[in-house]
PDB file of N, CA and C in Angstrom:
ATOM      1  N   MET A   1     -29.577  19.643 -18.318  1.00  0.00           N
ATOM      2  CA  MET A   1     -29.974  19.188 -16.999  1.00  0.00           C
ATOM      3  C   MET A   1     -29.292  20.106 -15.972  1.00  0.00           C
ATOM      4  N   ASP A   2     -30.090  20.637 -15.051  1.00  0.00           N
ATOM      5  CA  ASP A   2     -29.510  21.519 -14.037  1.00  0.00           C
ATOM      6  C   ASP A   2     -29.078  20.706 -12.810  1.00  0.00           C
ATOM      7  N   ALA A   3     -28.479  21.371 -11.858  1.00  0.00           N
ATOM      8  CA  ALA A   3     -27.930  20.713 -10.675  1.00  0.00           C
ATOM      9  C   ALA A   3     -29.015  20.030  -9.842  1.00  0.00           C
ATOM     10  N   VAL A   4     -30.174  20.617  -9.758  1.00  0.00           N
ATOM     11  CA  VAL A   4     -31.271  20.039  -8.981  1.00  0.00           C
ATOM     12  C   VAL A   4     -31.733  18.720  -9.608  1.00  0.00           C
ATOM     13  N   GLU A   5     -31.895  18.733 -10.942  1.00  0.00           N
ATOM     14  CA  GLU A   5     -32.293  17.497 -11.648  1.00  0.00           C
ATOM     15  C   GLU A   5     -31.232  16.415 -11.491  1.00  0.00           C
ATOM     16  N   LEU A   6     -29.983  16.809 -11.651  1.00  0.00           N
ATOM     17  CA  LEU A   6     -28.886  15.863 -11.518  1.00  0.00           C
ATOM     18  C   LEU A   6     -28.860  15.267 -10.118  1.00  0.00           C
ATOM     19  N   ASP A   7     -29.036  16.090  -9.112  1.00  0.00           N
ATOM     20  CA  ASP A   7     -29.046  15.616  -7.732  1.00  0.00           C
ATOM     21  C   ASP A   7     -30.211  14.654  -7.501  1.00  0.00           C
ATOM     22  N   ALA A   8     -31.358  14.958  -8.051  1.00  0.00           N
ATOM     23  CA  ALA A   8     -32.525  14.082  -7.895  1.00  0.00           C
ATOM     24  C   ALA A   8     -32.287  12.736  -8.575  1.00  0.00           C
ATOM     25  N   LYS A   9     -31.708  12.766  -9.773  1.00  0.00           N
ATOM     26  CA  LYS A   9     -31.415  11.510 -10.480  1.00  0.00           C
ATOM     27  C   LYS A   9     -30.371  10.690  -9.724  1.00  0.00           C
ATOM     28  N   TRP A  10     -29.371  11.369  -9.184  1.00  0.00           N
ATOM     29  CA  TRP A  10     -28.327  10.667  -8.420  1.00  0.00           C
ATOM     30  C   TRP A  10     -28.929  10.016  -7.172  1.00  0.00           C
ATOM     31  N   THR A  11     -29.802  10.731  -6.484  1.00  0.00           N
ATOM     32  CA  THR A  11     -30.459  10.194  -5.292  1.00  0.00           C
ATOM     33  C   THR A  11     -31.305   8.983  -5.655  1.00  0.00           C
ATOM     34  N   LEU A  12     -32.045   9.060  -6.738  1.00  0.00           N
ATOM     35  CA  LEU A  12     -32.857   7.932  -7.192  1.00  0.00           C
ATOM     36  C   LEU A  12     -31.989   6.738  -7.550  1.00  0.00           C
ATOM     37  N   PHE A  13     -30.880   6.994  -8.244  1.00  0.00           N
ATOM     38  CA  PHE A  13     -29.948   5.917  -8.597  1.00  0.00           C
ATOM     39  C   PHE A  13     -29.436   5.227  -7.333  1.00  0.00           C
ATOM     40  N   LEU A  14     -29.011   6.008  -6.352  1.00  0.00           N
ATOM     41  CA  LEU A  14     -28.495   5.421  -5.122  1.00  0.00           C
ATOM     42  C   LEU A  14     -29.552   4.627  -4.384  1.00  0.00           C
ATOM     43  N   GLU A  15     -30.782   5.113  -4.401  1.00  0.00           N
ATOM     44  CA  GLU A  15     -31.867   4.378  -3.749  1.00  0.00           C
ATOM     45  C   GLU A  15     -32.112   3.034  -4.422  1.00  0.00           C
ATOM     46  N   ASN A  16     -32.026   3.000  -5.760  1.00  0.00           N
ATOM     47  CA  ASN A  16     -32.306   1.776  -6.503  1.00  0.00           C
ATOM     48  C   ASN A  16     -31.105   0.850  -6.627  1.00  0.00           C
ATOM     49  N   GLU A  17     -29.927   1.411  -6.790  1.00  0.00           N
ATOM     50  CA  GLU A  17     -28.742   0.610  -7.094  1.00  0.00           C
ATOM     51  C   GLU A  17     -27.644   0.704  -6.041  1.00  0.00           C
ATOM     52  N   GLY A  18     -27.777   1.629  -5.110  1.00  0.00           N
ATOM     53  CA  GLY A  18     -26.694   1.922  -4.174  1.00  0.00           C
ATOM     54  C   GLY A  18     -26.229   0.747  -3.340  1.00  0.00           C
ATOM     55  N   VAL A  19     -27.150  -0.009  -2.776  1.00  0.00           N
ATOM     56  CA  VAL A  19     -26.780  -1.133  -1.911  1.00  0.00           C
ATOM     57  C   VAL A  19     -26.023  -2.188  -2.709  1.00  0.00           C
ATOM     58  N   MET A  20     -26.506  -2.490  -3.915  1.00  0.00           N
ATOM     59  CA  MET A  20     -25.836  -3.487  -4.747  1.00  0.00           C
ATOM     60  C   MET A  20     -24.448  -2.992  -5.162  1.00  0.00           C
ATOM     61  N   LEU A  21     -24.358  -1.730  -5.537  1.00  0.00           N
ATOM     62  CA  LEU A  21     -23.076  -1.153  -5.920  1.00  0.00           C
ATOM     63  C   LEU A  21     -22.105  -1.162  -4.742  1.00  0.00           C
ATOM     64  N   GLU A  22     -22.593  -0.786  -3.583  1.00  0.00           N
ATOM     65  CA  GLU A  22     -21.771  -0.804  -2.374  1.00  0.00           C
ATOM     66  C   GLU A  22     -21.263  -2.214  -2.097  1.00  0.00           C
ATOM     67  N   ARG A  23     -22.124  -3.206  -2.231  1.00  0.00           N
ATOM     68  CA  ARG A  23     -21.749  -4.609  -1.986  1.00  0.00           C
ATOM     69  C   ARG A  23     -20.701  -5.064  -3.004  1.00  0.00           C
ATOM     70  N   ASP A  24     -20.886  -4.711  -4.269  1.00  0.00           N
ATOM     71  CA  ASP A  24     -19.913  -5.079  -5.304  1.00  0.00           C
ATOM     72  C   ASP A  24     -18.537  -4.487  -5.018  1.00  0.00           C
ATOM     73  N   ILE A  25     -18.509  -3.234  -4.628  1.00  0.00           N
ATOM     74  CA  ILE A  25     -17.228  -2.585  -4.317  1.00  0.00           C
ATOM     75  C   ILE A  25     -16.591  -3.241  -3.098  1.00  0.00           C
ATOM     76  N   TYR A  26     -17.372  -3.469  -2.060  1.00  0.00           N
ATOM     77  CA  TYR A  26     -16.856  -4.108  -0.853  1.00  0.00           C
ATOM     78  C   TYR A  26     -16.303  -5.500  -1.167  1.00  0.00           C
ATOM     79  N   ASP A  27     -17.054  -6.296  -1.911  1.00  0.00           N
ATOM     80  CA  ASP A  27     -16.600  -7.644  -2.269  1.00  0.00           C
ATOM     81  C   ASP A  27     -15.303  -7.590  -3.073  1.00  0.00           C
ATOM     82  N   HIS A  28     -15.213  -6.659  -4.010  1.00  0.00           N
ATOM     83  CA  HIS A  28     -14.001  -6.526  -4.815  1.00  0.00           C
ATOM     84  C   HIS A  28     -12.804  -6.168  -3.928  1.00  0.00           C
ATOM     85  N   LEU A  29     -13.008  -5.239  -3.011  1.00  0.00           N
ATOM     86  CA  LEU A  29     -11.911  -4.859  -2.116  1.00  0.00           C
ATOM     87  C   LEU A  29     -11.482  -6.028  -1.243  1.00  0.00           C
ATOM     88  N   GLN A  30     -12.428  -6.823  -0.780  1.00  0.00           N
ATOM     89  CA  GLN A  30     -12.079  -7.998   0.024  1.00  0.00           C
ATOM     90  C   GLN A  30     -11.352  -9.050  -0.808  1.00  0.00           C
ATOM     91  N   ASP A  31     -11.808  -9.246  -2.040  1.00  0.00           N
ATOM     92  CA  ASP A  31     -11.192 -10.247  -2.915  1.00  0.00           C
ATOM     93  C   ASP A  31      -9.777  -9.869  -3.328  1.00  0.00           C
ATOM     94  N   THR A  32      -9.485  -8.586  -3.388  1.00  0.00           N
ATOM     95  CA  THR A  32      -8.173  -8.134  -3.862  1.00  0.00           C
ATOM     96  C   THR A  32      -7.304  -7.538  -2.758  1.00  0.00           C
ATOM     97  N   ALA A  33      -7.701  -7.701  -1.517  1.00  0.00           N
ATOM     98  CA  ALA A  33      -6.967  -7.088  -0.398  1.00  0.00           C
ATOM     99  C   ALA A  33      -5.506  -7.528  -0.358  1.00  0.00           C
ATOM    100  N   HIS A  34      -5.226  -8.725  -0.817  1.00  0.00           N
ATOM    101  CA  HIS A  34      -3.859  -9.254  -0.748  1.00  0.00           C
ATOM    102  C   HIS A  34      -3.029  -8.924  -1.994  1.00  0.00           C
ATOM    103  N   LEU A  35      -3.620  -8.271  -2.983  1.00  0.00           N
ATOM    104  CA  LEU A  35      -2.925  -7.992  -4.235  1.00  0.00           C
ATOM    105  C   LEU A  35      -2.335  -6.584  -4.234  1.00  0.00           C
ATOM    106  N   PHE A  36      -1.236  -6.435  -4.937  1.00  0.00           N
ATOM    107  CA  PHE A  36      -0.595  -5.139  -5.100  1.00  0.00           C
ATOM    108  C   PHE A  36      -0.619  -4.734  -6.561  1.00  0.00           C
ATOM    109  N   ASP A  37      -0.639  -3.443  -6.780  1.00  0.00           N
ATOM    110  CA  ASP A  37      -0.518  -2.874  -8.113  1.00  0.00           C
ATOM    111  C   ASP A  37       0.675  -1.938  -8.069  1.00  0.00           C
ATOM    112  N   VAL A  38       1.639  -2.156  -8.921  1.00  0.00           N
ATOM    113  CA  VAL A  38       2.869  -1.374  -8.922  1.00  0.00           C
ATOM    114  C   VAL A  38       2.582   0.118  -9.061  1.00  0.00           C
ATOM    115  N   HIS A  39       1.496   0.470  -9.705  1.00  0.00           N
ATOM    116  CA  HIS A  39       1.232   1.871 -10.029  1.00  0.00           C
ATOM    117  C   HIS A  39       0.231   2.555  -9.102  1.00  0.00           C
ATOM    118  N   ASP A  40      -0.328   1.846  -8.131  1.00  0.00           N
ATOM    119  CA  ASP A  40      -1.380   2.489  -7.330  1.00  0.00           C
ATOM    120  C   ASP A  40      -0.877   3.246  -6.112  1.00  0.00           C
ATOM    121  N   GLY A  41       0.421   3.150  -5.826  1.00  0.00           N
ATOM    122  CA  GLY A  41       0.982   3.902  -4.705  1.00  0.00           C
ATOM    123  C   GLY A  41       0.808   3.234  -3.362  1.00  0.00           C
ATOM    124  N   ILE A  42       0.205   2.066  -3.329  1.00  0.00           N
ATOM    125  CA  ILE A  42       0.046   1.336  -2.069  1.00  0.00           C
ATOM    126  C   ILE A  42       1.146   0.284  -2.012  1.00  0.00           C
ATOM    127  N   HIS A  43       1.978   0.402  -0.991  1.00  0.00           N
ATOM    128  CA  HIS A  43       3.130  -0.492  -0.921  1.00  0.00           C
ATOM    129  C   HIS A  43       3.164  -1.326   0.347  1.00  0.00           C
ATOM    130  N   ALA A  44       2.127  -1.272   1.136  1.00  0.00           N
ATOM    131  CA  ALA A  44       2.007  -2.138   2.306  1.00  0.00           C
ATOM    132  C   ALA A  44       0.524  -2.416   2.516  1.00  0.00           C
ATOM    133  N   LYS A  45       0.192  -3.681   2.694  1.00  0.00           N
ATOM    134  CA  LYS A  45      -1.202  -4.067   2.904  1.00  0.00           C
ATOM    135  C   LYS A  45      -1.262  -5.211   3.904  1.00  0.00           C
ATOM    136  N   TRP A  46      -2.296  -5.175   4.689  1.00  0.00           N
ATOM    137  CA  TRP A  46      -2.607  -6.298   5.570  1.00  0.00           C
ATOM    138  C   TRP A  46      -3.645  -7.165   4.865  1.00  0.00           C
ATOM    139  N   SER A  47      -3.402  -8.458   4.838  1.00  0.00           N
ATOM    140  CA  SER A  47      -4.391  -9.369   4.261  1.00  0.00           C
ATOM    141  C   SER A  47      -5.502  -9.587   5.274  1.00  0.00           C
ATOM    142  N   PRO A  48      -6.631 -10.109   4.827  1.00  0.00           N
ATOM    143  CA  PRO A  48      -7.706 -10.418   5.784  1.00  0.00           C
ATOM    144  C   PRO A  48      -7.263 -11.415   6.850  1.00  0.00           C
ATOM    145  N   GLU A  49      -6.231 -12.207   6.568  1.00  0.00           N
ATOM    146  CA  GLU A  49      -5.724 -13.189   7.525  1.00  0.00           C
ATOM    147  C   GLU A  49      -4.718 -12.593   8.497  1.00  0.00           C
ATOM    148  N   GLY A  50      -4.408 -11.291   8.350  1.00  0.00           N
ATOM    149  CA  GLY A  50      -3.490 -10.641   9.274  1.00  0.00           C
ATOM    150  C   GLY A  50      -2.028 -10.718   8.890  1.00  0.00           C
ATOM    151  N   THR A  51      -1.738 -10.967   7.626  1.00  0.00           N
ATOM    152  CA  THR A  51      -0.366 -11.016   7.145  1.00  0.00           C
ATOM    153  C   THR A  51      -0.047  -9.702   6.438  1.00  0.00           C
ATOM    154  N   LEU A  52       1.101  -9.131   6.775  1.00  0.00           N
ATOM    155  CA  LEU A  52       1.513  -7.883   6.147  1.00  0.00           C
ATOM    156  C   LEU A  52       2.326  -8.191   4.900  1.00  0.00           C
ATOM    157  N   GLY A  53       1.942  -7.569   3.803  1.00  0.00           N
ATOM    158  CA  GLY A  53       2.714  -7.668   2.563  1.00  0.00           C
ATOM    159  C   GLY A  53       3.330  -6.316   2.252  1.00  0.00           C
ATOM    160  N   LEU A  54       4.570  -6.327   1.826  1.00  0.00           N
ATOM    161  CA  LEU A  54       5.262  -5.106   1.417  1.00  0.00           C
ATOM    162  C   LEU A  54       5.645  -5.239  -0.042  1.00  0.00           C
ATOM    163  N   LEU A  55       5.367  -4.201  -0.801  1.00  0.00           N
ATOM    164  CA  LEU A  55       5.720  -4.182  -2.215  1.00  0.00           C
ATOM    165  C   LEU A  55       6.905  -3.246  -2.386  1.00  0.00           C
ATOM    166  N   LEU A  56       8.000  -3.770  -2.884  1.00  0.00           N
ATOM    167  CA  LEU A  56       9.178  -2.966  -3.174  1.00  0.00           C
ATOM    168  C   LEU A  56       9.317  -2.890  -4.682  1.00  0.00           C
ATOM    169  N   VAL A  57       9.413  -1.686  -5.199  1.00  0.00           N
ATOM    170  CA  VAL A  57       9.477  -1.477  -6.637  1.00  0.00           C
ATOM    171  C   VAL A  57      10.782  -0.760  -6.953  1.00  0.00           C
ATOM    172  N   PHE A  58      11.595  -1.378  -7.815  1.00  0.00           N
ATOM    173  CA  PHE A  58      12.891  -0.818  -8.191  1.00  0.00           C
ATOM    174  C   PHE A  58      13.036  -0.827  -9.702  1.00  0.00           C
ATOM    175  N   ARG A  59      13.702   0.178 -10.211  1.00  0.00           N
ATOM    176  CA  ARG A  59      14.237   0.083 -11.566  1.00  0.00           C
ATOM    177  C   ARG A  59      15.503  -0.754 -11.442  1.00  0.00           C
ATOM    178  N   GLU A  60      15.936  -1.343 -12.531  1.00  0.00           N
ATOM    179  CA  GLU A  60      17.068  -2.260 -12.482  1.00  0.00           C
ATOM    180  C   GLU A  60      18.306  -1.610 -11.867  1.00  0.00           C
ATOM    181  N   GLU A  61      18.595  -0.371 -12.270  1.00  0.00           N
ATOM    182  CA  GLU A  61      19.796   0.289 -11.738  1.00  0.00           C
ATOM    183  C   GLU A  61      19.671   0.570 -10.243  1.00  0.00           C
ATOM    184  N   GLU A  62      18.452   0.838  -9.759  1.00  0.00           N
ATOM    185  CA  GLU A  62      18.256   1.037  -8.325  1.00  0.00           C
ATOM    186  C   GLU A  62      18.512  -0.249  -7.551  1.00  0.00           C
ATOM    187  N   ALA A  63      17.997  -1.347  -8.062  1.00  0.00           N
ATOM    188  CA  ALA A  63      18.203  -2.634  -7.403  1.00  0.00           C
ATOM    189  C   ALA A  63      19.684  -2.991  -7.380  1.00  0.00           C
ATOM    190  N   ASN A  64      20.362  -2.775  -8.492  1.00  0.00           N
ATOM    191  CA  ASN A  64      21.798  -3.064  -8.539  1.00  0.00           C
ATOM    192  C   ASN A  64      22.570  -2.197  -7.560  1.00  0.00           C
ATOM    193  N   SER A  65      22.249  -0.913  -7.494  1.00  0.00           N
ATOM    194  CA  SER A  65      22.935  -0.001  -6.579  1.00  0.00           C
ATOM    195  C   SER A  65      22.710  -0.407  -5.128  1.00  0.00           C
ATOM    196  N   LEU A  66      21.494  -0.771  -4.804  1.00  0.00           N
ATOM    197  CA  LEU A  66      21.190  -1.188  -3.439  1.00  0.00           C
ATOM    198  C   LEU A  66      21.955  -2.462  -3.088  1.00  0.00           C
ATOM    199  N   PHE A  67      21.965  -3.411  -3.998  1.00  0.00           N
ATOM    200  CA  PHE A  67      22.692  -4.651  -3.749  1.00  0.00           C
ATOM    201  C   PHE A  67      24.185  -4.388  -3.608  1.00  0.00           C
ATOM    202  N   GLU A  68      24.737  -3.545  -4.459  1.00  0.00           N
ATOM    203  CA  GLU A  68      26.169  -3.228  -4.375  1.00  0.00           C
ATOM    204  C   GLU A  68      26.507  -2.526  -3.065  1.00  0.00           C
ATOM    205  N   ALA A  69      25.634  -1.635  -2.611  1.00  0.00           N
ATOM    206  CA  ALA A  69      25.864  -0.968  -1.324  1.00  0.00           C
ATOM    207  C   ALA A  69      25.836  -1.983  -0.191  1.00  0.00           C
ATOM    208  N   PHE A  70      24.908  -2.904  -0.244  1.00  0.00           N
ATOM    209  CA  PHE A  70      24.831  -3.960   0.767  1.00  0.00           C
ATOM    210  C   PHE A  70      26.105  -4.794   0.768  1.00  0.00           C
ATOM    211  N   ARG A  71      26.516  -5.213  -0.410  1.00  0.00           N
ATOM    212  CA  ARG A  71      27.724  -6.044  -0.529  1.00  0.00           C
ATOM    213  C   ARG A  71      28.960  -5.294  -0.029  1.00  0.00           C
ATOM    214  N   ALA A  72      29.097  -4.029  -0.403  1.00  0.00           N
ATOM    215  CA  ALA A  72      30.246  -3.233   0.039  1.00  0.00           C
ATOM    216  C   ALA A  72      30.205  -3.036   1.555  1.00  0.00           C
ATOM    217  N   ALA A  73      29.017  -2.854   2.112  1.00  0.00           N
ATOM    218  CA  ALA A  73      28.897  -2.699   3.565  1.00  0.00           C
ATOM    219  C   ALA A  73      29.366  -3.953   4.286  1.00  0.00           C
ATOM    220  N   ILE A  74      29.002  -5.111   3.746  1.00  0.00           N
ATOM    221  CA  ILE A  74      29.462  -6.373   4.339  1.00  0.00           C
ATOM    222  C   ILE A  74      30.985  -6.465   4.295  1.00  0.00           C
ATOM    223  N   GLU A  75      31.568  -5.914   3.242  1.00  0.00           N
ATOM    224  CA  GLU A  75      33.023  -5.934   3.094  1.00  0.00           C
ATOM    225  C   GLU A  75      33.702  -4.848   3.925  1.00  0.00           C
ATOM    226  N   GLY A  76      32.912  -4.040   4.643  1.00  0.00           N
ATOM    227  CA  GLY A  76      33.487  -3.073   5.563  1.00  0.00           C
ATOM    228  C   GLY A  76      33.585  -1.647   5.068  1.00  0.00           C
ATOM    229  N   VAL A  77      32.995  -1.326   3.936  1.00  0.00           N
ATOM    230  CA  VAL A  77      33.030   0.046   3.431  1.00  0.00           C
ATOM    231  C   VAL A  77      31.980   0.853   4.194  1.00  0.00           C
ATOM    232  N   GLN A  78      32.458   1.765   5.057  1.00  0.00           N
ATOM    233  CA  GLN A  78      31.569   2.502   5.953  1.00  0.00           C
ATOM    234  C   GLN A  78      30.529   3.319   5.202  1.00  0.00           C
ATOM    235  N   GLU A  79      30.923   4.032   4.152  1.00  0.00           N
ATOM    236  CA  GLU A  79      29.977   4.859   3.402  1.00  0.00           C
ATOM    237  C   GLU A  79      28.866   4.015   2.799  1.00  0.00           C
ATOM    238  N   ALA A  80      29.215   2.827   2.344  1.00  0.00           N
ATOM    239  CA  ALA A  80      28.199   1.936   1.778  1.00  0.00           C
ATOM    240  C   ALA A  80      27.238   1.470   2.868  1.00  0.00           C
ATOM    241  N   GLY A  81      27.778   1.197   4.035  1.00  0.00           N
ATOM    242  CA  GLY A  81      26.935   0.806   5.159  1.00  0.00           C
ATOM    243  C   GLY A  81      25.965   1.913   5.536  1.00  0.00           C
ATOM    244  N   GLU A  82      26.466   3.145   5.500  1.00  0.00           N
ATOM    245  CA  GLU A  82      25.605   4.289   5.813  1.00  0.00           C
ATOM    246  C   GLU A  82      24.519   4.457   4.755  1.00  0.00           C
ATOM    247  N   ALA A  83      24.878   4.292   3.483  1.00  0.00           N
ATOM    248  CA  ALA A  83      23.891   4.411   2.406  1.00  0.00           C
ATOM    249  C   ALA A  83      22.819   3.328   2.536  1.00  0.00           C
ATOM    250  N   PHE A  84      23.243   2.114   2.842  1.00  0.00           N
ATOM    251  CA  PHE A  84      22.291   1.024   3.010  1.00  0.00           C
ATOM    252  C   PHE A  84      21.408   1.276   4.238  1.00  0.00           C
ATOM    253  N   ALA A  85      21.977   1.833   5.285  1.00  0.00           N
ATOM    254  CA  ALA A  85      21.203   2.140   6.494  1.00  0.00           C
ATOM    255  C   ALA A  85      20.133   3.189   6.207  1.00  0.00           C
ATOM    256  N   VAL A  86      20.430   4.162   5.357  1.00  0.00           N
ATOM    257  CA  VAL A  86      19.436   5.176   4.992  1.00  0.00           C
ATOM    258  C   VAL A  86      18.251   4.504   4.300  1.00  0.00           C
ATOM    259  N   TRP A  87      18.539   3.595   3.367  1.00  0.00           N
ATOM    260  CA  TRP A  87      17.459   2.897   2.672  1.00  0.00           C
ATOM    261  C   TRP A  87      16.666   2.034   3.658  1.00  0.00           C
ATOM    262  N   THR A  88      17.370   1.333   4.547  1.00  0.00           N
ATOM    263  CA  THR A  88      16.701   0.479   5.531  1.00  0.00           C
ATOM    264  C   THR A  88      15.806   1.307   6.446  1.00  0.00           C
ATOM    265  N   THR A  89      16.265   2.507   6.781  1.00  0.00           N
ATOM    266  CA  THR A  89      15.455   3.404   7.613  1.00  0.00           C
ATOM    267  C   THR A  89      14.142   3.744   6.920  1.00  0.00           C
ATOM    268  N   SER A  90      14.181   3.990   5.615  1.00  0.00           N
ATOM    269  CA  SER A  90      12.940   4.286   4.899  1.00  0.00           C
ATOM    270  C   SER A  90      12.025   3.060   4.864  1.00  0.00           C
ATOM    271  N   LEU A  91      12.604   1.885   4.754  1.00  0.00           N
ATOM    272  CA  LEU A  91      11.814   0.656   4.788  1.00  0.00           C
ATOM    273  C   LEU A  91      11.154   0.486   6.156  1.00  0.00           C
ATOM    274  N   MET A  92      11.889   0.796   7.212  1.00  0.00           N
ATOM    275  CA  MET A  92      11.312   0.703   8.557  1.00  0.00           C
ATOM    276  C   MET A  92      10.204   1.736   8.734  1.00  0.00           C
ATOM    277  N   GLY A  93      10.313   2.892   8.063  1.00  0.00           N
ATOM    278  CA  GLY A  93       9.239   3.883   8.095  1.00  0.00           C
ATOM    279  C   GLY A  93       7.965   3.327   7.476  1.00  0.00           C
ATOM    280  N   LEU A  94       8.108   2.620   6.363  1.00  0.00           N
ATOM    281  CA  LEU A  94       6.958   1.986   5.718  1.00  0.00           C
ATOM    282  C   LEU A  94       6.339   0.948   6.648  1.00  0.00           C
ATOM    283  N   LEU A  95       7.180   0.153   7.282  1.00  0.00           N
ATOM    284  CA  LEU A  95       6.694  -0.858   8.219  1.00  0.00           C
ATOM    285  C   LEU A  95       5.986  -0.198   9.408  1.00  0.00           C
ATOM    286  N   ARG A  96       6.571   0.871   9.933  1.00  0.00           N
ATOM    287  CA  ARG A  96       5.957   1.580  11.058  1.00  0.00           C
ATOM    288  C   ARG A  96       4.581   2.127  10.656  1.00  0.00           C
ATOM    289  N   GLN A  97       4.477   2.702   9.461  1.00  0.00           N
ATOM    290  CA  GLN A  97       3.187   3.220   9.002  1.00  0.00           C
ATOM    291  C   GLN A  97       2.157   2.106   8.912  1.00  0.00           C
ATOM    292  N   ALA A  98       2.565   0.958   8.404  1.00  0.00           N
ATOM    293  CA  ALA A  98       1.633  -0.166   8.286  1.00  0.00           C
ATOM    294  C   ALA A  98       1.181  -0.628   9.665  1.00  0.00           C
ATOM    295  N   LEU A  99       2.099  -0.699  10.603  1.00  0.00           N
ATOM    296  CA  LEU A  99       1.741  -1.124  11.954  1.00  0.00           C
ATOM    297  C   LEU A  99       0.864  -0.081  12.635  1.00  0.00           C
ATOM    298  N   THR A 100       1.178   1.191  12.446  1.00  0.00           N
ATOM    299  CA  THR A 100       0.372   2.265  13.019  1.00  0.00           C
ATOM    300  C   THR A 100      -1.039   2.213  12.464  1.00  0.00           C
ATOM    301  N   GLN A 101      -1.173   1.997  11.164  1.00  0.00           N
ATOM    302  CA  GLN A 101      -2.497   1.919  10.549  1.00  0.00           C
ATOM    303  C   GLN A 101      -3.257   0.711  11.070  1.00  0.00           C
ATOM    304  N   GLN A 102      -2.541  -0.412  11.256  1.00  0.00           N
ATOM    305  CA  GLN A 102      -3.200  -1.606  11.776  1.00  0.00           C
ATOM    306  C   GLN A 102      -3.776  -1.332  13.159  1.00  0.00           C
ATOM    307  N   TRP A 103      -2.998  -0.674  14.003  1.00  0.00           N
ATOM    308  CA  TRP A 103      -3.489  -0.361  15.352  1.00  0.00           C
ATOM    309  C   TRP A 103      -4.620   0.655  15.288  1.00  0.00           C
ATOM    310  N   ALA A 104      -4.515   1.634  14.386  1.00  0.00           N
ATOM    311  CA  ALA A 104      -5.557   2.654  14.249  1.00  0.00           C
ATOM    312  C   ALA A 104      -6.883   2.005  13.804  1.00  0.00           C
ATOM    313  N   ASP A 105      -6.762   0.958  12.957  1.00  0.00           N
ATOM    314  CA  ASP A 105      -7.957   0.270  12.467  1.00  0.00           C
ATOM    315  C   ASP A 105      -8.540  -0.682  13.499  1.00  0.00           C
ATOM    316  N   GLY A 106      -7.793  -0.907  14.583  1.00  0.00           N
ATOM    317  CA  GLY A 106      -8.245  -1.851  15.610  1.00  0.00           C
ATOM    318  C   GLY A 106      -8.038  -3.298  15.208  1.00  0.00           C
ATOM    319  N   THR A 107      -7.139  -3.528  14.233  1.00  0.00           N
ATOM    320  CA  THR A 107      -6.911  -4.897  13.780  1.00  0.00           C
ATOM    321  C   THR A 107      -5.657  -5.494  14.389  1.00  0.00           C
ATOM    322  N   GLY A 108      -4.951  -4.758  15.239  1.00  0.00           N
ATOM    323  CA  GLY A 108      -3.755  -5.272  15.891  1.00  0.00           C
ATOM    324  C   GLY A 108      -4.124  -6.199  17.021  1.00  0.00           C
ATOM    325  N   ASP A 109      -3.178  -7.036  17.418  1.00  0.00           N
ATOM    326  CA  ASP A 109      -3.440  -7.978  18.520  1.00  0.00           C
ATOM    327  C   ASP A 109      -3.630  -7.255  19.828  1.00  0.00           C
TER     328      ASP A 109
END
């Protein structure tokens, strides 16, 4: 099959099945808008109801290190406070991106 035949078959398929396929994909995206997948690289989503969800993924040692830095910062260890602040800054970057995207989409208040 050459490129012209393939293009013609693809066009025919879209004419016959395209609207239904488009609707199925749209419905699936709406049904799963509030769900996260650890492996898909999406870590912030707005639900259709306007609630922001953030997905934080840690290996056990990362979670322990972050918690220990937080605890040490509370106890007054300056370096730990700085390390925790660096992580918090990255979290605020994720939040800022989500808010920026919400405004770009016209879904902000």
